[in-house]
Amino acid sequence: MEPGQGPRERCGRRGVAETRSRYTCTGGRTEFVRADLDDDDGAAAWRALAQEAARFFDGRIDGLIKNAGIYPRNTTVTVDEETFDQVYGVDVQAPFFLTAAVAPAIVDAGVGARVHL
């Protein structure tokens, strides 16, 4: 498959299995990685996750789709600092550091995208 010729599907609409099927039938390779983004090791754990993905794809990464988030049932008035830190870590820090970790591989590939759902 030539760079930039991958399917332009939205996982949220079609689901992971169908999107993966459409991509792999054109010769692409995908990997679904379930990960705990609420890791106490923070950025180091997210960099390790990106390195694992890079190994799977022989160093080439064309894209990153992140679909993670937590939403505790608190209001702005009732949320405590620990809960806020947990939400911020999963919803903001993890996507940022995952993107930073895979960005060099995407740039090296010459084409790619980052999608945050």
N, C-alpha and C. Protein backbone atom coordinates (compact mmCIF):
# COMPACT_ATOMS: atom_id res chain seq x y z
N MET A 1 0.84 -1.17 0.00
CA MET A 1 0.00 0.00 0.00
C MET A 1 0.89 1.24 0.00
N GLU A 2 0.56 2.19 -0.83
CA GLU A 2 1.32 3.43 -0.91
C GLU A 2 0.93 4.35 0.25
N PRO A 3 1.88 5.16 0.76
CA PRO A 3 1.53 6.11 1.81
C PRO A 3 0.39 7.01 1.37
N GLY A 4 -0.50 7.27 2.31
CA GLY A 4 -1.62 8.15 2.04
C GLY A 4 -2.81 7.49 1.36
N GLN A 5 -2.73 6.17 1.09
CA GLN A 5 -3.82 5.49 0.42
C GLN A 5 -4.68 4.67 1.37
N GLY A 6 -4.46 4.80 2.67
CA GLY A 6 -5.25 4.05 3.64
C GLY A 6 -6.69 4.52 3.66
N PRO A 7 -7.56 3.71 4.19
CA PRO A 7 -8.97 4.10 4.24
C PRO A 7 -9.17 5.27 5.19
N ARG A 8 -10.12 6.07 4.89
CA ARG A 8 -10.43 7.22 5.74
C ARG A 8 -11.75 6.92 6.45
N GLU A 9 -11.68 6.02 7.38
CA GLU A 9 -12.85 5.58 8.12
C GLU A 9 -12.83 6.16 9.53
N ARG A 10 -13.98 6.25 10.11
CA ARG A 10 -14.08 6.71 11.49
C ARG A 10 -14.43 5.50 12.36
N CYS A 11 -13.52 5.15 13.26
CA CYS A 11 -13.76 3.99 14.12
C CYS A 11 -15.02 4.16 14.95
N GLY A 12 -15.29 5.36 15.38
CA GLY A 12 -16.46 5.60 16.22
C GLY A 12 -17.75 5.23 15.53
N ARG A 13 -17.83 5.39 14.23
CA ARG A 13 -19.04 5.06 13.49
C ARG A 13 -19.11 3.59 13.12
N ARG A 14 -18.01 3.00 12.79
CA ARG A 14 -18.02 1.65 12.26
C ARG A 14 -17.56 0.60 13.26
N GLY A 15 -16.87 0.97 14.28
CA GLY A 15 -16.35 0.01 15.23
C GLY A 15 -14.96 -0.45 14.84
N VAL A 16 -14.22 -0.87 15.82
CA VAL A 16 -12.83 -1.27 15.62
C VAL A 16 -12.72 -2.44 14.66
N ALA A 17 -13.55 -3.47 14.84
CA ALA A 17 -13.44 -4.68 14.01
C ALA A 17 -13.69 -4.38 12.53
N GLU A 18 -14.73 -3.61 12.23
CA GLU A 18 -15.02 -3.32 10.83
C GLU A 18 -13.96 -2.42 10.21
N THR A 19 -13.52 -1.41 10.96
CA THR A 19 -12.48 -0.52 10.44
C THR A 19 -11.20 -1.30 10.18
N ARG A 20 -10.83 -2.17 11.12
CA ARG A 20 -9.63 -2.99 10.96
C ARG A 20 -9.75 -3.89 9.73
N SER A 21 -10.91 -4.49 9.54
CA SER A 21 -11.14 -5.36 8.40
C SER A 21 -11.00 -4.60 7.09
N ARG A 22 -11.55 -3.41 7.01
CA ARG A 22 -11.45 -2.62 5.78
C ARG A 22 -10.00 -2.23 5.49
N TYR A 23 -9.24 -1.97 6.53
CA TYR A 23 -7.84 -1.56 6.34
C TYR A 23 -6.97 -2.74 5.94
N THR A 24 -7.14 -3.87 6.62
CA THR A 24 -6.29 -5.02 6.33
C THR A 24 -6.60 -5.65 4.98
N CYS A 25 -7.82 -5.53 4.49
CA CYS A 25 -8.14 -6.11 3.18
C CYS A 25 -7.44 -5.37 2.06
N THR A 26 -6.92 -4.17 2.31
CA THR A 26 -6.17 -3.42 1.30
C THR A 26 -4.67 -3.60 1.48
N GLY A 27 -4.28 -4.53 2.36
CA GLY A 27 -2.87 -4.81 2.55
C GLY A 27 -2.25 -4.11 3.74
N GLY A 28 -3.03 -3.34 4.46
CA GLY A 28 -2.50 -2.63 5.63
C GLY A 28 -2.40 -3.55 6.84
N ARG A 29 -1.64 -3.10 7.81
CA ARG A 29 -1.50 -3.83 9.07
C ARG A 29 -2.00 -2.94 10.20
N THR A 30 -2.76 -3.52 11.10
CA THR A 30 -3.26 -2.77 12.24
C THR A 30 -2.99 -3.55 13.51
N GLU A 31 -2.98 -2.84 14.60
CA GLU A 31 -2.85 -3.49 15.89
C GLU A 31 -3.68 -2.70 16.89
N PHE A 32 -4.56 -3.39 17.57
CA PHE A 32 -5.36 -2.79 18.63
C PHE A 32 -4.65 -3.06 19.95
N VAL A 33 -4.35 -2.03 20.68
CA VAL A 33 -3.64 -2.19 21.95
C VAL A 33 -4.50 -1.63 23.07
N ARG A 34 -4.91 -2.50 23.96
CA ARG A 34 -5.64 -2.06 25.14
C ARG A 34 -4.60 -1.73 26.20
N ALA A 35 -4.67 -0.53 26.74
CA ALA A 35 -3.65 -0.10 27.68
C ALA A 35 -4.28 0.68 28.83
N ASP A 36 -3.67 0.59 29.98
CA ASP A 36 -4.09 1.36 31.14
C ASP A 36 -3.35 2.69 31.11
N LEU A 37 -4.03 3.74 30.69
CA LEU A 37 -3.39 5.05 30.59
C LEU A 37 -3.34 5.77 31.93
N ASP A 38 -3.90 5.14 32.95
CA ASP A 38 -3.85 5.69 34.31
C ASP A 38 -2.69 5.03 35.06
N ASP A 39 -1.55 4.97 34.41
CA ASP A 39 -0.37 4.30 34.94
C ASP A 39 0.42 5.25 35.82
N ASP A 40 0.85 4.78 36.97
CA ASP A 40 1.63 5.62 37.88
C ASP A 40 2.96 6.06 37.30
N ASP A 41 3.46 5.35 36.29
CA ASP A 41 4.73 5.71 35.67
C ASP A 41 4.60 6.85 34.66
N GLY A 42 3.37 7.24 34.35
CA GLY A 42 3.12 8.39 33.50
C GLY A 42 3.80 8.31 32.15
N ALA A 43 4.52 9.37 31.80
CA ALA A 43 5.11 9.51 30.47
C ALA A 43 6.02 8.34 30.10
N ALA A 44 6.73 7.78 31.08
CA ALA A 44 7.61 6.64 30.79
C ALA A 44 6.79 5.45 30.29
N ALA A 45 5.64 5.20 30.90
CA ALA A 45 4.78 4.08 30.48
C ALA A 45 4.21 4.34 29.09
N TRP A 46 3.85 5.59 28.80
CA TRP A 46 3.28 5.92 27.50
C TRP A 46 4.34 5.83 26.40
N ARG A 47 5.58 6.22 26.73
CA ARG A 47 6.67 6.07 25.75
C ARG A 47 6.94 4.58 25.48
N ALA A 48 6.88 3.77 26.52
CA ALA A 48 7.09 2.32 26.35
C ALA A 48 6.00 1.72 25.47
N LEU A 49 4.77 2.20 25.63
CA LEU A 49 3.66 1.73 24.80
C LEU A 49 3.90 2.09 23.33
N ALA A 50 4.37 3.29 23.08
CA ALA A 50 4.69 3.71 21.71
C ALA A 50 5.83 2.89 21.13
N GLN A 51 6.83 2.57 21.95
CA GLN A 51 7.95 1.75 21.48
C GLN A 51 7.49 0.34 21.13
N GLU A 52 6.55 -0.18 21.91
CA GLU A 52 6.00 -1.51 21.63
C GLU A 52 5.29 -1.50 20.27
N ALA A 53 4.52 -0.45 20.01
CA ALA A 53 3.84 -0.34 18.71
C ALA A 53 4.84 -0.23 17.57
N ALA A 54 5.88 0.55 17.77
CA ALA A 54 6.89 0.72 16.73
C ALA A 54 7.58 -0.61 16.42
N ARG A 55 7.84 -1.42 17.43
CA ARG A 55 8.44 -2.74 17.21
C ARG A 55 7.52 -3.63 16.38
N PHE A 56 6.23 -3.59 16.68
CA PHE A 56 5.26 -4.41 15.95
C PHE A 56 5.26 -4.07 14.47
N PHE A 57 5.40 -2.79 14.16
CA PHE A 57 5.35 -2.33 12.77
C PHE A 57 6.73 -2.08 12.18
N ASP A 58 7.75 -2.72 12.72
CA ASP A 58 9.11 -2.58 12.21
C ASP A 58 9.56 -1.12 12.13
N GLY A 59 9.14 -0.33 13.11
CA GLY A 59 9.54 1.06 13.21
C GLY A 59 8.68 2.05 12.46
N ARG A 60 7.79 1.57 11.61
CA ARG A 60 6.95 2.47 10.83
C ARG A 60 5.57 2.61 11.48
N ILE A 61 5.19 3.84 11.75
CA ILE A 61 3.87 4.13 12.28
C ILE A 61 3.25 5.20 11.40
N ASP A 62 2.11 4.88 10.82
CA ASP A 62 1.41 5.83 9.95
C ASP A 62 0.35 6.62 10.70
N GLY A 63 -0.07 6.12 11.84
CA GLY A 63 -1.12 6.83 12.56
C GLY A 63 -1.31 6.32 13.96
N LEU A 64 -1.99 7.13 14.72
CA LEU A 64 -2.30 6.80 16.10
C LEU A 64 -3.74 7.20 16.36
N ILE A 65 -4.55 6.25 16.77
CA ILE A 65 -5.93 6.54 17.15
C ILE A 65 -6.04 6.29 18.64
N LYS A 66 -6.36 7.34 19.36
CA LYS A 66 -6.50 7.23 20.80
C LYS A 66 -7.98 7.39 21.16
N ASN A 67 -8.50 6.41 21.83
CA ASN A 67 -9.90 6.46 22.24
C ASN A 67 -9.93 6.11 23.72
N ALA A 68 -9.55 7.07 24.53
CA ALA A 68 -9.49 6.83 25.97
C ALA A 68 -10.02 8.06 26.69
N GLY A 69 -10.61 7.81 27.79
CA GLY A 69 -11.07 8.92 28.62
C GLY A 69 -11.85 8.38 29.80
N ILE A 70 -11.87 9.14 30.84
CA ILE A 70 -12.65 8.78 32.01
C ILE A 70 -13.53 9.97 32.39
N TYR A 71 -14.67 9.67 32.94
CA TYR A 71 -15.61 10.72 33.31
C TYR A 71 -16.27 10.34 34.63
N PRO A 72 -15.62 10.70 35.73
CA PRO A 72 -16.25 10.41 37.02
C PRO A 72 -17.49 11.27 37.21
N ARG A 73 -18.37 10.80 37.98
CA ARG A 73 -19.65 11.49 38.21
C ARG A 73 -19.52 12.55 39.30
N ASN A 74 -18.68 13.52 39.06
CA ASN A 74 -18.50 14.63 40.00
C ASN A 74 -18.88 15.92 39.29
N THR A 75 -19.16 16.92 40.08
CA THR A 75 -19.36 18.26 39.53
C THR A 75 -18.10 19.07 39.82
N THR A 76 -18.00 20.21 39.20
CA THR A 76 -16.86 21.08 39.46
C THR A 76 -16.75 21.41 40.94
N VAL A 77 -17.88 21.54 41.60
CA VAL A 77 -17.89 21.89 43.02
C VAL A 77 -17.47 20.73 43.90
N THR A 78 -17.80 19.50 43.49
CA THR A 78 -17.55 18.35 44.37
C THR A 78 -16.30 17.55 44.05
N VAL A 79 -15.66 17.79 42.89
CA VAL A 79 -14.50 16.97 42.52
C VAL A 79 -13.33 17.25 43.47
N ASP A 80 -12.64 16.18 43.84
CA ASP A 80 -11.47 16.34 44.70
C ASP A 80 -10.21 16.37 43.83
N GLU A 81 -9.10 16.77 44.42
CA GLU A 81 -7.86 16.93 43.66
C GLU A 81 -7.36 15.62 43.07
N GLU A 82 -7.49 14.53 43.80
CA GLU A 82 -7.03 13.23 43.31
C GLU A 82 -7.80 12.80 42.06
N THR A 83 -9.11 12.98 42.08
CA THR A 83 -9.93 12.63 40.91
C THR A 83 -9.58 13.52 39.73
N PHE A 84 -9.42 14.82 39.99
CA PHE A 84 -9.04 15.75 38.92
C PHE A 84 -7.71 15.33 38.29
N ASP A 85 -6.74 15.01 39.12
CA ASP A 85 -5.43 14.60 38.61
C ASP A 85 -5.53 13.33 37.76
N GLN A 86 -6.39 12.39 38.19
CA GLN A 86 -6.57 11.15 37.43
C GLN A 86 -7.19 11.45 36.07
N VAL A 87 -8.23 12.25 36.03
CA VAL A 87 -8.88 12.61 34.77
C VAL A 87 -7.90 13.34 33.85
N TYR A 88 -7.17 14.29 34.39
CA TYR A 88 -6.22 15.06 33.61
C TYR A 88 -5.12 14.14 33.03
N GLY A 89 -4.67 13.20 33.84
CA GLY A 89 -3.64 12.27 33.39
C GLY A 89 -4.09 11.42 32.21
N VAL A 90 -5.29 10.86 32.30
CA VAL A 90 -5.80 9.98 31.24
C VAL A 90 -6.27 10.77 30.02
N ASP A 91 -6.96 11.88 30.25
CA ASP A 91 -7.59 12.61 29.14
C ASP A 91 -6.67 13.62 28.46
N VAL A 92 -5.64 14.11 29.15
CA VAL A 92 -4.78 15.15 28.58
C VAL A 92 -3.33 14.69 28.47
N GLN A 93 -2.74 14.28 29.58
CA GLN A 93 -1.32 13.92 29.57
C GLN A 93 -1.02 12.69 28.72
N ALA A 94 -1.80 11.63 28.88
CA ALA A 94 -1.53 10.41 28.11
C ALA A 94 -1.60 10.66 26.61
N PRO A 95 -2.66 11.30 26.09
CA PRO A 95 -2.67 11.56 24.65
C PRO A 95 -1.51 12.44 24.19
N PHE A 96 -1.16 13.43 24.99
CA PHE A 96 -0.05 14.31 24.63
C PHE A 96 1.26 13.54 24.51
N PHE A 97 1.60 12.75 25.54
CA PHE A 97 2.88 12.05 25.53
C PHE A 97 2.89 10.87 24.57
N LEU A 98 1.75 10.22 24.32
CA LEU A 98 1.70 9.19 23.29
C LEU A 98 1.97 9.80 21.92
N THR A 99 1.34 10.94 21.67
CA THR A 99 1.56 11.63 20.40
C THR A 99 3.02 12.03 20.24
N ALA A 100 3.60 12.59 21.30
CA ALA A 100 5.01 12.99 21.26
C ALA A 100 5.91 11.79 21.00
N ALA A 101 5.54 10.63 21.54
CA ALA A 101 6.38 9.44 21.38
C ALA A 101 6.30 8.85 19.97
N VAL A 102 5.15 8.93 19.32
CA VAL A 102 5.03 8.34 17.98
C VAL A 102 5.27 9.35 16.86
N ALA A 103 5.28 10.62 17.16
CA ALA A 103 5.44 11.65 16.13
C ALA A 103 6.68 11.45 15.27
N PRO A 104 7.84 11.14 15.84
CA PRO A 104 9.02 10.94 14.98
C PRO A 104 8.82 9.82 13.96
N ALA A 105 8.18 8.73 14.35
CA ALA A 105 7.95 7.62 13.41
C ALA A 105 6.96 8.03 12.32
N ILE A 106 5.96 8.81 12.67
CA ILE A 106 5.00 9.28 11.67
C ILE A 106 5.68 10.22 10.69
N VAL A 107 6.52 11.11 11.20
CA VAL A 107 7.26 12.03 10.33
C VAL A 107 8.19 11.23 9.41
N ASP A 108 8.89 10.24 9.96
CA ASP A 108 9.79 9.41 9.14
C ASP A 108 9.03 8.67 8.04
N ALA A 109 7.77 8.28 8.31
CA ALA A 109 6.98 7.57 7.31
C ALA A 109 6.57 8.52 6.17
N GLY A 110 6.59 9.80 6.43
CA GLY A 110 6.25 10.77 5.38
C GLY A 110 4.77 11.02 5.23
N VAL A 111 3.97 10.30 5.97
CA VAL A 111 2.51 10.47 5.92
C VAL A 111 1.95 9.87 7.21
N GLY A 112 0.87 10.42 7.66
CA GLY A 112 0.26 9.85 8.85
C GLY A 112 -0.72 10.79 9.49
N ALA A 113 -1.36 10.29 10.52
CA ALA A 113 -2.36 11.09 11.21
C ALA A 113 -2.45 10.66 12.66
N ARG A 114 -2.94 11.58 13.45
CA ARG A 114 -3.24 11.31 14.85
C ARG A 114 -4.71 11.65 15.05
N VAL A 115 -5.45 10.71 15.61
CA VAL A 115 -6.87 10.91 15.84
C VAL A 115 -7.14 10.69 17.31
N HIS A 116 -7.77 11.66 17.91
CA HIS A 116 -8.13 11.55 19.32
C HIS A 116 -9.64 11.56 19.41
N LEU A 117 -10.20 10.44 19.84
CA LEU A 117 -11.66 10.32 19.94
C LEU A 117 -12.11 10.64 21.35
